[in-house]
């Protein structure tokens, strides 16, 4: 089995190569069509304005996790023997998380390296479908009973998603556990 630092090193080089290719394509686009390049840069800056606050929050959370949460705590509450507490923490974390999903991947990766079960990461990601700020509007347009049933289904299926991931992880040796 390969060492994880070797895998990180190889993926880091691939990331730099990919970045170089993308920047080369943008440079070629700027040379061939300056107006299109200006539109791309404007669109990218607007996207960055929307994503940067969430990225900063996620990186702050990763920093706080590194300072406060030791692997023993994560293994106790999110690890393989966390029980119902782990499932509830993952559901609550998913419901309370905001912004785009991709910055949260970094946080989940960090937690996985520290002992979080993959099934709880799946529960977290699925539970993100519950958007607390939108619940009043959902109630207004569809009614309370519809909203409660929908929320119950989303949370129940987040658990099914985690259980399916546990089953896949148990039957597939290719899925590594930390």
N, C-alpha and C. Protein backbone atom coordinates (compact mmCIF):
# COMPACT_ATOMS: atom_id res chain seq x y z
N UNK A 1 0.84 -1.17 0.00
CA UNK A 1 0.00 0.00 0.00
C UNK A 1 0.88 1.23 0.00
N UNK A 2 0.49 2.24 -0.79
CA UNK A 2 1.29 3.46 -0.90
C UNK A 2 1.05 4.36 0.30
N UNK A 3 2.05 5.12 0.63
CA UNK A 3 1.97 6.07 1.72
C UNK A 3 1.08 7.24 1.29
N UNK A 4 0.28 7.79 2.23
CA UNK A 4 -0.64 8.87 1.88
C UNK A 4 0.10 10.14 1.48
N UNK A 5 1.32 10.36 2.00
CA UNK A 5 2.08 11.55 1.61
C UNK A 5 2.52 11.45 0.16
N UNK A 6 2.76 10.24 -0.33
CA UNK A 6 3.12 10.05 -1.73
C UNK A 6 1.92 10.39 -2.61
N UNK A 7 0.73 9.94 -2.21
CA UNK A 7 -0.48 10.25 -2.97
C UNK A 7 -0.72 11.75 -3.01
N UNK A 8 -0.54 12.42 -1.88
CA UNK A 8 -0.75 13.87 -1.84
C UNK A 8 0.25 14.57 -2.74
N UNK A 9 1.49 14.11 -2.74
CA UNK A 9 2.52 14.75 -3.55
C UNK A 9 2.18 14.63 -5.03
N UNK A 10 1.77 13.44 -5.45
CA UNK A 10 1.42 13.24 -6.86
C UNK A 10 0.19 14.06 -7.24
N UNK A 11 -0.83 14.09 -6.39
CA UNK A 11 -2.02 14.86 -6.71
C UNK A 11 -1.72 16.35 -6.69
N UNK A 12 -0.77 16.79 -5.89
CA UNK A 12 -0.38 18.20 -5.88
C UNK A 12 0.25 18.60 -7.19
N UNK A 13 1.10 17.76 -7.76
CA UNK A 13 1.72 18.04 -9.05
C UNK A 13 0.65 18.08 -10.14
N UNK A 14 -0.28 17.15 -10.10
CA UNK A 14 -1.36 17.13 -11.09
C UNK A 14 -2.19 18.40 -11.00
N UNK A 15 -2.41 18.88 -9.80
CA UNK A 15 -3.17 20.12 -9.61
C UNK A 15 -2.47 21.32 -10.22
N UNK A 16 -1.15 21.39 -10.04
CA UNK A 16 -0.38 22.49 -10.63
C UNK A 16 -0.36 22.40 -12.14
N UNK A 17 -0.28 21.19 -12.67
CA UNK A 17 -0.31 21.01 -14.13
C UNK A 17 -1.67 21.45 -14.67
N UNK A 18 -2.73 21.04 -14.00
CA UNK A 18 -4.08 21.44 -14.41
C UNK A 18 -4.21 22.97 -14.37
N UNK A 19 -3.73 23.59 -13.30
CA UNK A 19 -3.79 25.05 -13.20
C UNK A 19 -3.03 25.70 -14.35
N UNK A 20 -1.86 25.18 -14.68
CA UNK A 20 -1.07 25.72 -15.79
C UNK A 20 -1.81 25.62 -17.12
N UNK A 21 -2.47 24.48 -17.35
CA UNK A 21 -3.24 24.30 -18.58
C UNK A 21 -4.39 25.30 -18.65
N UNK A 22 -5.12 25.44 -17.56
CA UNK A 22 -6.25 26.37 -17.53
C UNK A 22 -5.78 27.80 -17.76
N UNK A 23 -4.70 28.21 -17.08
CA UNK A 23 -4.18 29.56 -17.27
C UNK A 23 -3.70 29.78 -18.70
N UNK A 24 -3.12 28.76 -19.32
CA UNK A 24 -2.69 28.86 -20.71
C UNK A 24 -3.88 29.05 -21.64
N UNK A 25 -4.96 28.33 -21.38
CA UNK A 25 -6.17 28.48 -22.19
C UNK A 25 -6.74 29.89 -22.03
N UNK A 26 -6.76 30.40 -20.79
CA UNK A 26 -7.23 31.77 -20.57
C UNK A 26 -6.34 32.78 -21.28
N UNK A 27 -5.04 32.57 -21.25
CA UNK A 27 -4.12 33.49 -21.93
C UNK A 27 -4.35 33.45 -23.43
N UNK A 28 -4.54 32.25 -23.99
CA UNK A 28 -4.83 32.12 -25.41
C UNK A 28 -6.14 32.81 -25.76
N UNK A 29 -7.14 32.65 -24.91
CA UNK A 29 -8.43 33.31 -25.13
C UNK A 29 -8.26 34.83 -25.11
N UNK A 30 -7.45 35.34 -24.19
CA UNK A 30 -7.24 36.79 -24.10
C UNK A 30 -6.56 37.31 -25.36
N UNK A 31 -5.64 36.54 -25.91
CA UNK A 31 -4.96 36.96 -27.14
C UNK A 31 -5.92 36.94 -28.33
N UNK A 32 -6.73 35.88 -28.42
CA UNK A 32 -7.63 35.73 -29.57
C UNK A 32 -8.89 36.59 -29.48
N UNK A 33 -9.43 36.73 -28.28
CA UNK A 33 -10.68 37.48 -28.11
C UNK A 33 -10.66 38.20 -26.76
N UNK A 34 -10.17 39.42 -26.76
CA UNK A 34 -10.02 40.19 -25.53
C UNK A 34 -11.34 40.47 -24.83
N UNK A 35 -12.40 40.67 -25.62
CA UNK A 35 -13.71 40.95 -25.03
C UNK A 35 -14.24 39.74 -24.26
N UNK A 36 -14.08 38.57 -24.84
CA UNK A 36 -14.49 37.34 -24.15
C UNK A 36 -13.68 37.14 -22.88
N UNK A 37 -12.38 37.40 -22.93
CA UNK A 37 -11.53 37.27 -21.75
C UNK A 37 -11.98 38.24 -20.65
N UNK A 38 -12.36 39.46 -21.03
CA UNK A 38 -12.85 40.43 -20.04
C UNK A 38 -14.15 39.94 -19.40
N UNK A 39 -15.03 39.34 -20.20
CA UNK A 39 -16.29 38.79 -19.66
C UNK A 39 -16.00 37.65 -18.70
N UNK A 40 -15.06 36.80 -19.06
CA UNK A 40 -14.69 35.67 -18.20
C UNK A 40 -14.13 36.18 -16.87
N UNK A 41 -13.25 37.17 -16.93
CA UNK A 41 -12.65 37.72 -15.70
C UNK A 41 -13.72 38.36 -14.83
N UNK A 42 -14.67 39.07 -15.43
CA UNK A 42 -15.77 39.68 -14.67
C UNK A 42 -16.63 38.61 -14.00
N UNK A 43 -16.97 37.58 -14.77
CA UNK A 43 -17.78 36.49 -14.21
C UNK A 43 -17.04 35.80 -13.08
N UNK A 44 -15.76 35.54 -13.26
CA UNK A 44 -14.96 34.90 -12.22
C UNK A 44 -14.90 35.76 -10.96
N UNK A 45 -14.74 37.07 -11.13
CA UNK A 45 -14.65 37.93 -9.95
C UNK A 45 -15.97 37.95 -9.18
N UNK A 46 -17.10 37.92 -9.90
CA UNK A 46 -18.41 37.86 -9.21
C UNK A 46 -18.57 36.54 -8.48
N UNK A 47 -18.14 35.45 -9.10
CA UNK A 47 -18.19 34.14 -8.44
C UNK A 47 -17.30 34.13 -7.21
N UNK A 48 -16.12 34.69 -7.33
CA UNK A 48 -15.19 34.74 -6.21
C UNK A 48 -15.76 35.54 -5.05
N UNK A 49 -16.47 36.63 -5.36
CA UNK A 49 -17.11 37.43 -4.31
C UNK A 49 -18.15 36.61 -3.54
N UNK A 50 -18.86 35.73 -4.25
CA UNK A 50 -19.88 34.91 -3.59
C UNK A 50 -19.28 33.75 -2.81
N UNK A 51 -18.20 33.18 -3.31
CA UNK A 51 -17.64 31.97 -2.72
C UNK A 51 -16.63 32.28 -1.62
N UNK A 52 -15.90 33.37 -1.75
CA UNK A 52 -14.82 33.69 -0.81
C UNK A 52 -15.27 33.73 0.65
N UNK A 53 -16.42 34.35 0.99
CA UNK A 53 -16.82 34.33 2.41
C UNK A 53 -17.03 32.91 2.95
N UNK A 54 -17.63 32.04 2.14
CA UNK A 54 -17.84 30.67 2.59
C UNK A 54 -16.50 29.95 2.72
N UNK A 55 -15.60 30.16 1.77
CA UNK A 55 -14.28 29.55 1.87
C UNK A 55 -13.56 30.00 3.13
N UNK A 56 -13.66 31.27 3.44
CA UNK A 56 -13.01 31.78 4.65
C UNK A 56 -13.60 31.14 5.90
N UNK A 57 -14.92 30.98 5.93
CA UNK A 57 -15.57 30.34 7.08
C UNK A 57 -15.10 28.89 7.20
N UNK A 58 -15.06 28.18 6.07
CA UNK A 58 -14.64 26.78 6.11
C UNK A 58 -13.18 26.67 6.56
N UNK A 59 -12.30 27.52 6.04
CA UNK A 59 -10.90 27.48 6.47
C UNK A 59 -10.76 27.85 7.93
N UNK A 60 -11.59 28.78 8.40
CA UNK A 60 -11.59 29.11 9.83
C UNK A 60 -12.04 27.91 10.65
N UNK A 61 -13.07 27.22 10.18
CA UNK A 61 -13.53 26.01 10.89
C UNK A 61 -12.45 24.94 10.90
N UNK A 62 -11.75 24.76 9.78
CA UNK A 62 -10.66 23.78 9.74
C UNK A 62 -9.59 24.17 10.74
N UNK A 63 -9.26 25.45 10.82
CA UNK A 63 -8.26 25.94 11.77
C UNK A 63 -8.70 25.65 13.21
N UNK A 64 -9.96 25.97 13.50
CA UNK A 64 -10.49 25.73 14.85
C UNK A 64 -10.51 24.24 15.17
N UNK A 65 -10.89 23.42 14.18
CA UNK A 65 -10.89 21.96 14.39
C UNK A 65 -9.48 21.48 14.71
N UNK A 66 -8.50 22.00 13.98
CA UNK A 66 -7.11 21.60 14.24
C UNK A 66 -6.66 22.01 15.63
N UNK A 67 -7.16 23.15 16.12
CA UNK A 67 -6.77 23.61 17.45
C UNK A 67 -7.51 22.90 18.57
N UNK A 68 -8.80 22.76 18.41
CA UNK A 68 -9.64 22.30 19.52
C UNK A 68 -9.99 20.82 19.51
N UNK A 69 -10.22 20.29 18.33
CA UNK A 69 -10.69 18.91 18.26
C UNK A 69 -9.53 17.97 18.01
N UNK A 70 -9.30 17.15 18.97
CA UNK A 70 -8.26 16.15 18.78
C UNK A 70 -8.87 14.89 18.17
N UNK A 71 -8.05 14.05 17.59
CA UNK A 71 -8.59 12.83 16.96
C UNK A 71 -9.43 11.97 17.90
N UNK A 72 -9.13 11.98 19.17
CA UNK A 72 -9.92 11.18 20.11
C UNK A 72 -11.36 11.68 20.17
N UNK A 73 -11.55 13.01 20.18
CA UNK A 73 -12.91 13.58 20.21
C UNK A 73 -13.65 13.22 18.93
N UNK A 74 -12.99 13.38 17.79
CA UNK A 74 -13.63 13.09 16.51
C UNK A 74 -13.99 11.61 16.44
N UNK A 75 -13.09 10.74 16.88
CA UNK A 75 -13.38 9.30 16.86
C UNK A 75 -14.53 8.96 17.79
N UNK A 76 -14.62 9.70 18.92
CA UNK A 76 -15.69 9.43 19.87
C UNK A 76 -17.05 9.85 19.31
N UNK A 77 -17.13 11.06 18.70
CA UNK A 77 -18.42 11.59 18.26
C UNK A 77 -18.72 11.40 16.78
N UNK A 78 -17.70 11.14 15.96
CA UNK A 78 -17.92 10.96 14.53
C UNK A 78 -17.23 9.71 13.98
N UNK A 79 -16.61 8.94 14.86
CA UNK A 79 -15.86 7.77 14.42
C UNK A 79 -16.71 6.53 14.30
N UNK A 80 -16.05 5.40 14.17
CA UNK A 80 -16.73 4.13 13.91
C UNK A 80 -17.55 3.62 15.08
N UNK A 81 -17.29 4.12 16.27
CA UNK A 81 -18.07 3.70 17.44
C UNK A 81 -18.89 4.85 18.01
N UNK A 82 -19.21 5.85 17.18
CA UNK A 82 -19.91 7.04 17.67
C UNK A 82 -21.39 6.79 17.94
N UNK A 83 -21.95 5.79 17.29
CA UNK A 83 -23.35 5.45 17.52
C UNK A 83 -24.30 6.53 17.03
N UNK A 84 -25.43 6.64 17.71
CA UNK A 84 -26.49 7.58 17.32
C UNK A 84 -26.01 9.02 17.42
N UNK A 85 -25.10 9.29 18.35
CA UNK A 85 -24.58 10.65 18.51
C UNK A 85 -23.91 11.13 17.23
N UNK A 86 -23.12 10.28 16.61
CA UNK A 86 -22.46 10.64 15.37
C UNK A 86 -23.44 10.97 14.26
N UNK A 87 -24.48 10.17 14.16
CA UNK A 87 -25.49 10.42 13.14
C UNK A 87 -26.19 11.76 13.39
N UNK A 88 -26.52 12.03 14.65
CA UNK A 88 -27.19 13.30 14.97
C UNK A 88 -26.28 14.50 14.74
N UNK A 89 -25.00 14.37 15.08
CA UNK A 89 -24.04 15.46 14.85
C UNK A 89 -23.90 15.71 13.35
N UNK A 90 -23.83 14.65 12.55
CA UNK A 90 -23.70 14.81 11.10
C UNK A 90 -24.94 15.45 10.49
N UNK A 91 -26.11 15.04 10.94
CA UNK A 91 -27.36 15.63 10.45
C UNK A 91 -27.42 17.11 10.82
N UNK A 92 -27.14 17.42 12.08
CA UNK A 92 -27.19 18.82 12.53
C UNK A 92 -26.16 19.67 11.78
N UNK A 93 -24.97 19.14 11.59
CA UNK A 93 -23.95 19.88 10.85
C UNK A 93 -24.37 20.14 9.43
N UNK A 94 -24.97 19.15 8.77
CA UNK A 94 -25.43 19.33 7.40
C UNK A 94 -26.54 20.35 7.29
N UNK A 95 -27.48 20.31 8.21
CA UNK A 95 -28.59 21.25 8.19
C UNK A 95 -28.10 22.68 8.45
N UNK A 96 -27.16 22.83 9.36
CA UNK A 96 -26.68 24.17 9.72
C UNK A 96 -25.66 24.74 8.75
N UNK A 97 -25.06 23.89 7.90
CA UNK A 97 -24.05 24.38 6.97
C UNK A 97 -24.71 25.24 5.88
N UNK A 98 -23.98 26.27 5.45
CA UNK A 98 -24.52 27.18 4.44
C UNK A 98 -23.54 27.33 3.30
N UNK A 99 -23.99 27.96 2.25
CA UNK A 99 -23.13 28.26 1.11
C UNK A 99 -22.99 27.09 0.17
N UNK A 100 -22.13 27.25 -0.82
CA UNK A 100 -21.91 26.16 -1.78
C UNK A 100 -21.30 24.94 -1.11
N UNK A 101 -21.52 23.78 -1.68
CA UNK A 101 -21.08 22.53 -1.05
C UNK A 101 -19.59 22.31 -1.19
N UNK A 102 -18.97 22.74 -2.28
CA UNK A 102 -17.58 22.34 -2.52
C UNK A 102 -16.59 22.84 -1.48
N UNK A 103 -16.77 24.00 -0.83
CA UNK A 103 -15.81 24.33 0.23
C UNK A 103 -15.91 23.38 1.43
N UNK A 104 -17.07 22.77 1.61
CA UNK A 104 -17.23 21.86 2.74
C UNK A 104 -16.49 20.55 2.53
N UNK A 105 -16.18 20.24 1.28
CA UNK A 105 -15.41 19.02 1.01
C UNK A 105 -14.07 19.04 1.73
N UNK A 106 -13.44 20.21 1.78
CA UNK A 106 -12.14 20.32 2.47
C UNK A 106 -12.29 20.00 3.95
N UNK A 107 -13.35 20.52 4.57
CA UNK A 107 -13.59 20.25 5.98
C UNK A 107 -13.87 18.77 6.21
N UNK A 108 -14.70 18.17 5.37
CA UNK A 108 -15.01 16.75 5.52
C UNK A 108 -13.77 15.90 5.30
N UNK A 109 -12.92 16.30 4.37
CA UNK A 109 -11.68 15.56 4.15
C UNK A 109 -10.80 15.62 5.38
N UNK A 110 -10.71 16.79 5.99
CA UNK A 110 -9.91 16.95 7.22
C UNK A 110 -10.48 16.07 8.34
N UNK A 111 -11.80 16.08 8.48
CA UNK A 111 -12.43 15.25 9.51
C UNK A 111 -12.23 13.76 9.22
N UNK A 112 -12.28 13.38 7.95
CA UNK A 112 -12.06 11.97 7.60
C UNK A 112 -10.64 11.54 7.96
N UNK A 113 -9.67 12.42 7.72
CA UNK A 113 -8.30 12.08 8.07
C UNK A 113 -8.12 11.94 9.57
N UNK A 114 -8.99 12.58 10.34
CA UNK A 114 -8.90 12.51 11.79
C UNK A 114 -9.79 11.43 12.38
N UNK A 115 -10.49 10.67 11.53
CA UNK A 115 -11.23 9.53 12.05
C UNK A 115 -12.72 9.53 11.82
N UNK A 116 -13.28 10.47 11.09
CA UNK A 116 -14.71 10.51 10.83
C UNK A 116 -15.10 9.37 9.89
N UNK A 117 -16.25 8.73 10.17
CA UNK A 117 -16.75 7.68 9.30
C UNK A 117 -17.22 8.27 7.97
N UNK A 118 -16.98 7.55 6.89
CA UNK A 118 -17.41 8.01 5.58
C UNK A 118 -18.93 8.10 5.50
N UNK A 119 -19.62 7.21 6.18
CA UNK A 119 -21.08 7.23 6.16
C UNK A 119 -21.62 8.52 6.77
N UNK A 120 -20.93 9.05 7.78
CA UNK A 120 -21.38 10.30 8.40
C UNK A 120 -21.10 11.49 7.48
N UNK A 121 -20.06 11.40 6.67
CA UNK A 121 -19.82 12.44 5.67
C UNK A 121 -20.96 12.45 4.65
N UNK A 122 -21.43 11.27 4.26
CA UNK A 122 -22.56 11.18 3.33
C UNK A 122 -23.82 11.76 3.95
N UNK A 123 -24.04 11.47 5.23
CA UNK A 123 -25.20 12.03 5.94
C UNK A 123 -25.11 13.55 5.98
N UNK A 124 -23.94 14.07 6.28
CA UNK A 124 -23.73 15.52 6.31
C UNK A 124 -24.09 16.14 4.96
N UNK A 125 -23.56 15.56 3.89
CA UNK A 125 -23.80 16.13 2.56
C UNK A 125 -25.27 16.04 2.16
N UNK A 126 -25.92 14.94 2.47
CA UNK A 126 -27.34 14.79 2.11
C UNK A 126 -28.21 15.73 2.94
N UNK A 127 -27.86 15.93 4.21
CA UNK A 127 -28.64 16.79 5.10
C UNK A 127 -28.57 18.25 4.69
N UNK A 128 -27.60 18.59 3.87
CA UNK A 128 -27.49 19.96 3.40
C UNK A 128 -28.69 20.37 2.54
N UNK A 129 -29.49 19.40 2.10
CA UNK A 129 -30.68 19.71 1.31
C UNK A 129 -31.71 20.49 2.13
N UNK A 130 -31.65 20.40 3.45
CA UNK A 130 -32.54 21.16 4.31
C UNK A 130 -31.94 22.55 4.46
N UNK A 131 -32.64 23.54 3.96
CA UNK A 131 -32.17 24.93 4.02
C UNK A 131 -33.04 25.70 5.01
N UNK A 132 -32.51 25.94 6.19
CA UNK A 132 -33.28 26.61 7.25
C UNK A 132 -33.85 27.96 6.83
N UNK A 133 -33.08 28.83 6.16
CA UNK A 133 -33.65 30.13 5.79
C UNK A 133 -34.83 30.03 4.81
N UNK A 134 -34.93 28.94 4.09
CA UNK A 134 -36.01 28.80 3.10
C UNK A 134 -37.26 28.12 3.65
N UNK A 135 -37.20 27.61 4.87
CA UNK A 135 -38.35 26.90 5.43
C UNK A 135 -39.59 27.80 5.55
N UNK A 136 -39.48 29.05 6.01
CA UNK A 136 -40.70 29.89 6.06
C UNK A 136 -41.35 30.08 4.68
N UNK A 137 -40.54 30.26 3.65
CA UNK A 137 -41.10 30.42 2.31
C UNK A 137 -41.72 29.11 1.83
N UNK A 138 -41.10 27.99 2.17
CA UNK A 138 -41.65 26.69 1.82
C UNK A 138 -43.01 26.49 2.49
N UNK A 139 -43.11 26.87 3.75
CA UNK A 139 -44.39 26.77 4.47
C UNK A 139 -45.43 27.68 3.83
N UNK A 140 -45.01 28.89 3.46
CA UNK A 140 -45.93 29.86 2.85
C UNK A 140 -46.52 29.32 1.55
N UNK A 141 -45.68 28.75 0.69
CA UNK A 141 -46.15 28.31 -0.62
C UNK A 141 -46.78 26.93 -0.61
N UNK A 142 -46.33 26.03 0.27
CA UNK A 142 -46.79 24.64 0.21
C UNK A 142 -47.53 24.17 1.45
N UNK A 143 -47.50 24.93 2.52
CA UNK A 143 -48.19 24.54 3.74
C UNK A 143 -47.28 23.83 4.73
N UNK A 144 -47.71 23.84 5.98
CA UNK A 144 -46.91 23.27 7.06
C UNK A 144 -46.78 21.75 6.95
N UNK A 145 -47.89 21.06 6.66
CA UNK A 145 -47.82 19.60 6.62
C UNK A 145 -46.90 19.12 5.49
N UNK A 146 -46.98 19.74 4.32
CA UNK A 146 -46.08 19.37 3.22
C UNK A 146 -44.62 19.59 3.62
N UNK A 147 -44.36 20.74 4.24
CA UNK A 147 -43.00 21.08 4.64
C UNK A 147 -42.46 20.08 5.65
N UNK A 148 -43.27 19.71 6.64
CA UNK A 148 -42.82 18.75 7.66
C UNK A 148 -42.55 17.38 7.05
N UNK A 149 -43.42 16.95 6.13
CA UNK A 149 -43.21 15.65 5.47
C UNK A 149 -41.94 15.70 4.62
N UNK A 150 -41.75 16.78 3.87
CA UNK A 150 -40.56 16.91 3.04
C UNK A 150 -39.28 16.90 3.89
N UNK A 151 -39.29 17.66 4.98
CA UNK A 151 -38.12 17.69 5.85
C UNK A 151 -37.85 16.32 6.47
N UNK A 152 -38.92 15.64 6.88
CA UNK A 152 -38.74 14.30 7.44
C UNK A 152 -38.14 13.35 6.41
N UNK A 153 -38.66 13.41 5.17
CA UNK A 153 -38.10 12.56 4.12
C UNK A 153 -36.64 12.88 3.86
N UNK A 154 -36.29 14.15 3.79
CA UNK A 154 -34.90 14.53 3.53
C UNK A 154 -33.98 13.99 4.62
N UNK A 155 -34.39 14.13 5.87
CA UNK A 155 -33.54 13.68 6.97
C UNK A 155 -33.49 12.15 7.05
N UNK A 156 -34.60 11.50 6.80
CA UNK A 156 -34.62 10.03 6.80
C UNK A 156 -33.75 9.49 5.68
N UNK A 157 -33.86 10.10 4.50
CA UNK A 157 -33.05 9.62 3.38
C UNK A 157 -31.58 9.98 3.53
N UNK A 158 -31.28 10.99 4.35
CA UNK A 158 -29.86 11.24 4.64
C UNK A 158 -29.29 10.06 5.44
N UNK A 159 -30.11 9.51 6.32
CA UNK A 159 -29.68 8.34 7.09
C UNK A 159 -29.54 7.13 6.17
N UNK A 160 -30.51 6.96 5.25
CA UNK A 160 -30.39 5.86 4.29
C UNK A 160 -29.14 6.01 3.44
N UNK A 161 -28.83 7.23 3.07
CA UNK A 161 -27.61 7.49 2.30
C UNK A 161 -26.37 7.05 3.09
N UNK A 162 -26.33 7.39 4.36
CA UNK A 162 -25.22 6.98 5.21
C UNK A 162 -25.14 5.48 5.38
N UNK A 163 -26.30 4.84 5.55
CA UNK A 163 -26.32 3.38 5.68
C UNK A 163 -25.86 2.71 4.39
N UNK A 164 -26.27 3.25 3.26
CA UNK A 164 -25.83 2.71 1.97
C UNK A 164 -24.31 2.86 1.84
N UNK A 165 -23.78 4.00 2.28
CA UNK A 165 -22.34 4.21 2.21
C UNK A 165 -21.62 3.23 3.12
N UNK A 166 -22.17 2.97 4.31
CA UNK A 166 -21.57 1.98 5.21
C UNK A 166 -21.53 0.61 4.56
N UNK A 167 -22.62 0.27 3.91
CA UNK A 167 -22.70 -1.04 3.25
C UNK A 167 -21.70 -1.14 2.11
N UNK A 168 -21.62 -0.07 1.30
CA UNK A 168 -20.65 -0.05 0.20
C UNK A 168 -19.23 -0.10 0.73
N UNK A 169 -18.98 0.61 1.79
CA UNK A 169 -17.64 0.64 2.37
C UNK A 169 -17.26 -0.74 2.92
N UNK A 170 -18.23 -1.41 3.51
CA UNK A 170 -17.95 -2.75 4.05
C UNK A 170 -17.72 -3.79 2.98
N UNK A 171 -18.39 -3.64 1.83
CA UNK A 171 -18.26 -4.64 0.78
C UNK A 171 -17.24 -4.28 -0.29
N UNK A 172 -16.70 -3.07 -0.23
CA UNK A 172 -15.76 -2.63 -1.25
C UNK A 172 -14.41 -2.31 -0.61
N UNK A 173 -13.43 -3.17 -0.77
CA UNK A 173 -12.13 -2.91 -0.16
C UNK A 173 -11.41 -1.71 -0.76
N UNK A 174 -11.89 -1.20 -1.91
CA UNK A 174 -11.25 -0.05 -2.53
C UNK A 174 -11.52 1.25 -1.80
N UNK A 175 -12.55 1.27 -0.96
CA UNK A 175 -12.87 2.48 -0.20
C UNK A 175 -12.06 2.40 1.09
N UNK A 176 -11.10 3.29 1.21
CA UNK A 176 -10.18 3.27 2.35
C UNK A 176 -10.79 3.90 3.58
N UNK A 177 -10.45 3.37 4.71
CA UNK A 177 -10.81 3.96 5.99
C UNK A 177 -9.56 4.50 6.62
N UNK A 178 -9.67 5.66 7.31
CA UNK A 178 -8.47 6.22 7.94
C UNK A 178 -7.99 5.39 9.09
